Amino acid sequence: MVQRARLITLQGKRIELSPELYRQIKELIAPRSRSQSKTTKVIAATYGKYAGGRSLTQVLLEERAAERTRRKEIG
């Protein structure tokens, strides 16, 4: 005997799903779960990687300030 899946709405209504409809819904949801999982793994792998080092934002701001100074000297 095949057990049917049930979807429960926010209002508490229960909807029986056929195996085919359940499979289709699962396929729609699965790619999102995988991409979120992949993103989470990347964040976890790089979390704190640059902690304690020089701020890359500060380096960029310093480079831009130096570039503006050079342009003023040339122009």
PDB file of N, CA and C in Angstrom:
ATOM      1  N   MET A   1       0.832  -1.175   0.000  1.00  0.00           N
ATOM      2  CA  MET A   1       0.000   0.000   0.000  1.00  0.00           C
ATOM      3  C   MET A   1       0.885   1.249   0.000  1.00  0.00           C
ATOM      4  N   VAL A   2       0.579   2.185  -0.876  1.00  0.00           N
ATOM      5  CA  VAL A   2       1.338   3.425  -0.991  1.00  0.00           C
ATOM      6  C   VAL A   2       0.755   4.453  -0.029  1.00  0.00           C
ATOM      7  N   GLN A   3       1.621   5.018   0.795  1.00  0.00           N
ATOM      8  CA  GLN A   3       1.160   6.046   1.718  1.00  0.00           C
ATOM      9  C   GLN A   3       1.176   7.386   0.993  1.00  0.00           C
ATOM     10  N   ARG A   4       0.082   8.103   1.064  1.00  0.00           N
ATOM     11  CA  ARG A   4      -0.019   9.386   0.381  1.00  0.00           C
ATOM     12  C   ARG A   4       0.553  10.484   1.264  1.00  0.00           C
ATOM     13  N   ALA A   5       1.223  11.415   0.607  1.00  0.00           N
ATOM     14  CA  ALA A   5       1.783  12.555   1.339  1.00  0.00           C
ATOM     15  C   ALA A   5       0.681  13.551   1.638  1.00  0.00           C
ATOM     16  N   ARG A   6       0.844  14.279   2.725  1.00  0.00           N
ATOM     17  CA  ARG A   6      -0.131  15.299   3.093  1.00  0.00           C
ATOM     18  C   ARG A   6       0.556  16.652   3.164  1.00  0.00           C
ATOM     19  N   LEU A   7      -0.116  17.643   2.641  1.00  0.00           N
ATOM     20  CA  LEU A   7       0.331  19.020   2.738  1.00  0.00           C
ATOM     21  C   LEU A   7      -0.600  19.713   3.715  1.00  0.00           C
ATOM     22  N   ILE A   8      -0.040  20.370   4.704  1.00  0.00           N
ATOM     23  CA  ILE A   8      -0.859  21.069   5.695  1.00  0.00           C
ATOM     24  C   ILE A   8      -0.677  22.565   5.475  1.00  0.00           C
ATOM     25  N   THR A   9      -1.772  23.259   5.219  1.00  0.00           N
ATOM     26  CA  THR A   9      -1.723  24.697   4.953  1.00  0.00           C
ATOM     27  C   THR A   9      -1.573  25.479   6.251  1.00  0.00           C
ATOM     28  N   LEU A  10      -1.321  26.770   6.121  1.00  0.00           N
ATOM     29  CA  LEU A  10      -1.202  27.629   7.298  1.00  0.00           C
ATOM     30  C   LEU A  10      -2.495  27.669   8.100  1.00  0.00           C
ATOM     31  N   GLN A  11      -3.611  27.461   7.425  1.00  0.00           N
ATOM     32  CA  GLN A  11      -4.904  27.455   8.098  1.00  0.00           C
ATOM     33  C   GLN A  11      -5.209  26.107   8.744  1.00  0.00           C
ATOM     34  N   GLY A  12      -4.331  25.135   8.579  1.00  0.00           N
ATOM     35  CA  GLY A  12      -4.528  23.822   9.175  1.00  0.00           C
ATOM     36  C   GLY A  12      -5.261  22.844   8.280  1.00  0.00           C
ATOM     37  N   LYS A  13      -5.576  23.241   7.063  1.00  0.00           N
ATOM     38  CA  LYS A  13      -6.264  22.345   6.138  1.00  0.00           C
ATOM     39  C   LYS A  13      -5.258  21.313   5.624  1.00  0.00           C
ATOM     40  N   ARG A  14      -5.697  20.057   5.551  1.00  0.00           N
ATOM     41  CA  ARG A  14      -4.834  18.980   5.061  1.00  0.00           C
ATOM     42  C   ARG A  14      -5.218  18.631   3.632  1.00  0.00           C
ATOM     43  N   ILE A  15      -4.209  18.561   2.783  1.00  0.00           N
ATOM     44  CA  ILE A  15      -4.427  18.232   1.368  1.00  0.00           C
ATOM     45  C   ILE A  15      -3.637  16.973   1.061  1.00  0.00           C
ATOM     46  N   GLU A  16      -4.320  15.958   0.566  1.00  0.00           N
ATOM     47  CA  GLU A  16      -3.656  14.707   0.177  1.00  0.00           C
ATOM     48  C   GLU A  16      -2.980  14.915  -1.181  1.00  0.00           C
ATOM     49  N   LEU A  17      -1.751  14.444  -1.290  1.00  0.00           N
ATOM     50  CA  LEU A  17      -1.010  14.571  -2.545  1.00  0.00           C
ATOM     51  C   LEU A  17      -0.776  13.186  -3.136  1.00  0.00           C
ATOM     52  N   SER A  18      -0.954  13.089  -4.442  1.00  0.00           N
ATOM     53  CA  SER A  18      -0.640  11.838  -5.119  1.00  0.00           C
ATOM     54  C   SER A  18       0.884  11.683  -5.145  1.00  0.00           C
ATOM     55  N   PRO A  19       1.377  10.463  -5.316  1.00  0.00           N
ATOM     56  CA  PRO A  19       2.832  10.273  -5.390  1.00  0.00           C
ATOM     57  C   PRO A  19       3.470  11.106  -6.503  1.00  0.00           C
ATOM     58  N   GLU A  20       2.792  11.229  -7.640  1.00  0.00           N
ATOM     59  CA  GLU A  20       3.334  12.007  -8.761  1.00  0.00           C
ATOM     60  C   GLU A  20       3.402  13.491  -8.413  1.00  0.00           C
ATOM     61  N   LEU A  21       2.364  14.029  -7.819  1.00  0.00           N
ATOM     62  CA  LEU A  21       2.351  15.446  -7.436  1.00  0.00           C
ATOM     63  C   LEU A  21       3.401  15.712  -6.359  1.00  0.00           C
ATOM     64  N   TYR A  22       3.547  14.794  -5.423  1.00  0.00           N
ATOM     65  CA  TYR A  22       4.569  14.924  -4.389  1.00  0.00           C
ATOM     66  C   TYR A  22       5.959  14.965  -5.021  1.00  0.00           C
ATOM     67  N   ARG A  23       6.219  14.094  -5.989  1.00  0.00           N
ATOM     68  CA  ARG A  23       7.514  14.062  -6.679  1.00  0.00           C
ATOM     69  C   ARG A  23       7.781  15.379  -7.385  1.00  0.00           C
ATOM     70  N   GLN A  24       6.768  15.932  -8.055  1.00  0.00           N
ATOM     71  CA  GLN A  24       6.932  17.199  -8.763  1.00  0.00           C
ATOM     72  C   GLN A  24       7.253  18.345  -7.797  1.00  0.00           C
ATOM     73  N   ILE A  25       6.548  18.378  -6.692  1.00  0.00           N
ATOM     74  CA  ILE A  25       6.792  19.426  -5.695  1.00  0.00           C
ATOM     75  C   ILE A  25       8.189  19.275  -5.110  1.00  0.00           C
ATOM     76  N   LYS A  26       8.584  18.051  -4.838  1.00  0.00           N
ATOM     77  CA  LYS A  26       9.905  17.786  -4.277  1.00  0.00           C
ATOM     78  C   LYS A  26      11.002  18.248  -5.239  1.00  0.00           C
ATOM     79  N   GLU A  27      10.807  18.032  -6.538  1.00  0.00           N
ATOM     80  CA  GLU A  27      11.786  18.474  -7.536  1.00  0.00           C
ATOM     81  C   GLU A  27      11.878  19.992  -7.589  1.00  0.00           C
ATOM     82  N   LEU A  28      10.752  20.670  -7.411  1.00  0.00           N
ATOM     83  CA  LEU A  28      10.764  22.131  -7.411  1.00  0.00           C
ATOM     84  C   LEU A  28      11.512  22.691  -6.215  1.00  0.00           C
ATOM     85  N   ILE A  29      11.377  22.036  -5.093  1.00  0.00           N
ATOM     86  CA  ILE A  29      11.993  22.516  -3.860  1.00  0.00           C
ATOM     87  C   ILE A  29      13.465  22.117  -3.768  1.00  0.00           C
ATOM     88  N   ALA A  30      13.829  20.960  -4.259  1.00  0.00           N
ATOM     89  CA  ALA A  30      15.176  20.410  -4.100  1.00  0.00           C
ATOM     90  C   ALA A  30      16.288  21.330  -4.620  1.00  0.00           C
ATOM     91  N   PRO A  31      16.187  21.916  -5.823  1.00  0.00           N
ATOM     92  CA  PRO A  31      17.293  22.764  -6.282  1.00  0.00           C
ATOM     93  C   PRO A  31      17.572  23.932  -5.338  1.00  0.00           C
ATOM     94  N   ARG A  32      16.552  24.533  -4.757  1.00  0.00           N
ATOM     95  CA  ARG A  32      16.749  25.626  -3.814  1.00  0.00           C
ATOM     96  C   ARG A  32      17.524  25.141  -2.596  1.00  0.00           C
ATOM     97  N   SER A  33      17.159  23.979  -2.120  1.00  0.00           N
ATOM     98  CA  SER A  33      17.832  23.441  -0.937  1.00  0.00           C
ATOM     99  C   SER A  33      19.297  23.185  -1.224  1.00  0.00           C
ATOM    100  N   ARG A  34      19.587  22.639  -2.407  1.00  0.00           N
ATOM    101  CA  ARG A  34      20.972  22.357  -2.759  1.00  0.00           C
ATOM    102  C   ARG A  34      21.773  23.640  -2.879  1.00  0.00           C
ATOM    103  N   SER A  35      21.227  24.676  -3.534  1.00  0.00           N
ATOM    104  CA  SER A  35      21.980  25.907  -3.716  1.00  0.00           C
ATOM    105  C   SER A  35      22.199  26.606  -2.380  1.00  0.00           C
ATOM    106  N   GLN A  36      21.211  26.576  -1.497  1.00  0.00           N
ATOM    107  CA  GLN A  36      21.387  27.174  -0.183  1.00  0.00           C
ATOM    108  C   GLN A  36      22.435  26.394   0.601  1.00  0.00           C
ATOM    109  N   SER A  37      22.403  25.089   0.462  1.00  0.00           N
ATOM    110  CA  SER A  37      23.360  24.255   1.158  1.00  0.00           C
ATOM    111  C   SER A  37      24.770  24.552   0.647  1.00  0.00           C
ATOM    112  N   LYS A  38      24.919  24.693  -0.663  1.00  0.00           N
ATOM    113  CA  LYS A  38      26.219  24.992  -1.258  1.00  0.00           C
ATOM    114  C   LYS A  38      26.705  26.359  -0.777  1.00  0.00           C
ATOM    115  N   THR A  39      25.809  27.340  -0.769  1.00  0.00           N
ATOM    116  CA  THR A  39      26.165  28.674  -0.302  1.00  0.00           C
ATOM    117  C   THR A  39      26.586  28.623   1.154  1.00  0.00           C
ATOM    118  N   THR A  40      25.841  27.903   1.954  1.00  0.00           N
ATOM    119  CA  THR A  40      26.165  27.777   3.371  1.00  0.00           C
ATOM    120  C   THR A  40      27.541  27.149   3.559  1.00  0.00           C
ATOM    121  N   LYS A  41      27.866  26.146   2.753  1.00  0.00           N
ATOM    122  CA  LYS A  41      29.171  25.490   2.862  1.00  0.00           C
ATOM    123  C   LYS A  41      30.295  26.450   2.500  1.00  0.00           C
ATOM    124  N   VAL A  42      30.090  27.279   1.464  1.00  0.00           N
ATOM    125  CA  VAL A  42      31.118  28.242   1.061  1.00  0.00           C
ATOM    126  C   VAL A  42      31.330  29.271   2.162  1.00  0.00           C
ATOM    127  N   ILE A  43      30.234  29.759   2.716  1.00  0.00           N
ATOM    128  CA  ILE A  43      30.344  30.741   3.806  1.00  0.00           C
ATOM    129  C   ILE A  43      31.069  30.120   4.999  1.00  0.00           C
ATOM    130  N   ALA A  44      30.700  28.925   5.347  1.00  0.00           N
ATOM    131  CA  ALA A  44      31.329  28.256   6.489  1.00  0.00           C
ATOM    132  C   ALA A  44      32.815  28.025   6.241  1.00  0.00           C
ATOM    133  N   ALA A  45      33.176  27.683   5.001  1.00  0.00           N
ATOM    134  CA  ALA A  45      34.574  27.396   4.688  1.00  0.00           C
ATOM    135  C   ALA A  45      35.437  28.655   4.726  1.00  0.00           C
ATOM    136  N   THR A  46      34.853  29.806   4.401  1.00  0.00           N
ATOM    137  CA  THR A  46      35.640  31.039   4.352  1.00  0.00           C
ATOM    138  C   THR A  46      35.426  31.938   5.560  1.00  0.00           C
ATOM    139  N   TYR A  47      34.512  31.567   6.446  1.00  0.00           N
ATOM    140  CA  TYR A  47      34.228  32.393   7.615  1.00  0.00           C
ATOM    141  C   TYR A  47      35.483  32.563   8.455  1.00  0.00           C
ATOM    142  N   GLY A  48      35.837  33.786   8.703  1.00  0.00           N
ATOM    143  CA  GLY A  48      36.996  34.076   9.527  1.00  0.00           C
ATOM    144  C   GLY A  48      38.325  33.910   8.814  1.00  0.00           C
ATOM    145  N   LYS A  49      38.299  33.615   7.541  1.00  0.00           N
ATOM    146  CA  LYS A  49      39.530  33.365   6.790  1.00  0.00           C
ATOM    147  C   LYS A  49      40.447  34.585   6.816  1.00  0.00           C
ATOM    148  N   TYR A  50      39.863  35.764   6.732  1.00  0.00           N
ATOM    149  CA  TYR A  50      40.652  36.982   6.682  1.00  0.00           C
ATOM    150  C   TYR A  50      40.645  37.739   8.010  1.00  0.00           C
ATOM    151  N   ALA A  51      40.135  37.139   9.034  1.00  0.00           N
ATOM    152  CA  ALA A  51      40.089  37.789  10.348  1.00  0.00           C
ATOM    153  C   ALA A  51      41.498  38.043  10.840  1.00  0.00           C
ATOM    154  N   GLY A  52      41.695  39.213  11.384  1.00  0.00           N
ATOM    155  CA  GLY A  52      43.003  39.551  11.928  1.00  0.00           C
ATOM    156  C   GLY A  52      43.955  40.093  10.884  1.00  0.00           C
ATOM    157  N   GLY A  53      43.585  39.993   9.629  1.00  0.00           N
ATOM    158  CA  GLY A  53      44.427  40.536   8.566  1.00  0.00           C
ATOM    159  C   GLY A  53      44.059  41.978   8.278  1.00  0.00           C
ATOM    160  N   ARG A  54      44.693  42.547   7.289  1.00  0.00           N
ATOM    161  CA  ARG A  54      44.429  43.922   6.908  1.00  0.00           C
ATOM    162  C   ARG A  54      43.071  44.002   6.234  1.00  0.00           C
ATOM    163  N   SER A  55      42.320  45.051   6.527  1.00  0.00           N
ATOM    164  CA  SER A  55      40.996  45.235   5.947  1.00  0.00           C
ATOM    165  C   SER A  55      41.123  45.500   4.452  1.00  0.00           C
ATOM    166  N   LEU A  56      40.509  44.645   3.647  1.00  0.00           N
ATOM    167  CA  LEU A  56      40.562  44.825   2.196  1.00  0.00           C
ATOM    168  C   LEU A  56      39.829  46.089   1.777  1.00  0.00           C
ATOM    169  N   THR A  57      38.807  46.467   2.507  1.00  0.00           N
ATOM    170  CA  THR A  57      38.088  47.708   2.216  1.00  0.00           C
ATOM    171  C   THR A  57      38.996  48.900   2.460  1.00  0.00           C
ATOM    172  N   GLN A  58      39.731  48.869   3.555  1.00  0.00           N
ATOM    173  CA  GLN A  58      40.648  49.967   3.863  1.00  0.00           C
ATOM    174  C   GLN A  58      41.738  50.063   2.801  1.00  0.00           C
ATOM    175  N   VAL A  59      42.268  48.944   2.346  1.00  0.00           N
ATOM    176  CA  VAL A  59      43.279  48.934   1.295  1.00  0.00           C
ATOM    177  C   VAL A  59      42.722  49.575   0.025  1.00  0.00           C
ATOM    178  N   LEU A  60      41.508  49.221  -0.340  1.00  0.00           N
ATOM    179  CA  LEU A  60      40.883  49.787  -1.532  1.00  0.00           C
ATOM    180  C   LEU A  60      40.712  51.293  -1.396  1.00  0.00           C
ATOM    181  N   LEU A  61      40.233  51.751  -0.245  1.00  0.00           N
ATOM    182  CA  LEU A  61      40.066  53.187  -0.028  1.00  0.00           C
ATOM    183  C   LEU A  61      41.407  53.921  -0.118  1.00  0.00           C
ATOM    184  N   GLU A  62      42.454  53.345   0.425  1.00  0.00           N
ATOM    185  CA  GLU A  62      43.783  53.957   0.355  1.00  0.00           C
ATOM    186  C   GLU A  62      44.279  54.024  -1.088  1.00  0.00           C
ATOM    187  N   GLU A  63      44.061  52.954  -1.855  1.00  0.00           N
ATOM    188  CA  GLU A  63      44.474  52.948  -3.260  1.00  0.00           C
ATOM    189  C   GLU A  63      43.732  54.015  -4.061  1.00  0.00           C
ATOM    190  N   ARG A  64      42.457  54.162  -3.812  1.00  0.00           N
ATOM    191  CA  ARG A  64      41.680  55.178  -4.525  1.00  0.00           C
ATOM    192  C   ARG A  64      42.121  56.586  -4.144  1.00  0.00           C
ATOM    193  N   ALA A  65      42.426  56.808  -2.877  1.00  0.00           N
ATOM    194  CA  ALA A  65      42.914  58.123  -2.442  1.00  0.00           C
ATOM    195  C   ALA A  65      44.254  58.442  -3.110  1.00  0.00           C
ATOM    196  N   ALA A  66      45.129  57.445  -3.183  1.00  0.00           N
ATOM    197  CA  ALA A  66      46.430  57.643  -3.837  1.00  0.00           C
ATOM    198  C   ALA A  66      46.245  57.935  -5.322  1.00  0.00           C
ATOM    199  N   GLU A  67      45.301  57.247  -5.949  1.00  0.00           N
ATOM    200  CA  GLU A  67      45.028  57.470  -7.370  1.00  0.00           C
ATOM    201  C   GLU A  67      44.499  58.891  -7.602  1.00  0.00           C
ATOM    202  N   ARG A  68      43.621  59.375  -6.732  1.00  0.00           N
ATOM    203  CA  ARG A  68      43.105  60.741  -6.860  1.00  0.00           C
ATOM    204  C   ARG A  68      44.239  61.756  -6.713  1.00  0.00           C
ATOM    205  N   THR A  69      45.143  61.485  -5.788  1.00  0.00           N
ATOM    206  CA  THR A  69      46.280  62.378  -5.578  1.00  0.00           C
ATOM    207  C   THR A  69      47.155  62.419  -6.825  1.00  0.00           C
ATOM    208  N   ARG A  70      47.429  61.262  -7.406  1.00  0.00           N
ATOM    209  CA  ARG A  70      48.246  61.204  -8.629  1.00  0.00           C
ATOM    210  C   ARG A  70      47.586  61.970  -9.770  1.00  0.00           C
ATOM    211  N   ARG A  71      46.263  61.837  -9.904  1.00  0.00           N
ATOM    212  CA  ARG A  71      45.557  62.549 -10.977  1.00  0.00           C
ATOM    213  C   ARG A  71      45.623  64.056 -10.792  1.00  0.00           C
ATOM    214  N   LYS A  72      45.537  64.513  -9.536  1.00  0.00           N
ATOM    215  CA  LYS A  72      45.634  65.950  -9.259  1.00  0.00           C
ATOM    216  C   LYS A  72      47.022  66.461  -9.616  1.00  0.00           C
ATOM    217  N   GLU A  73      48.059  65.667  -9.321  1.00  0.00           N
ATOM    218  CA  GLU A  73      49.438  66.073  -9.606  1.00  0.00           C
ATOM    219  C   GLU A  73      49.680  66.142 -11.104  1.00  0.00           C
ATOM    220  N   ILE A  74      49.070  65.220 -11.861  1.00  0.00           N
ATOM    221  CA  ILE A  74      49.250  65.185 -13.317  1.00  0.00           C
ATOM    222  C   ILE A  74      48.451  66.295 -13.986  1.00  0.00           C
ATOM    223  N   GLY A  75      47.214  66.464 -13.562  1.00  0.00           N
ATOM    224  CA  GLY A  75      46.263  67.368 -14.213  1.00  0.00           C
ATOM    225  C   GLY A  75      46.342  68.735 -13.700  1.00  0.00           C
TER     226      GLY A  75
END
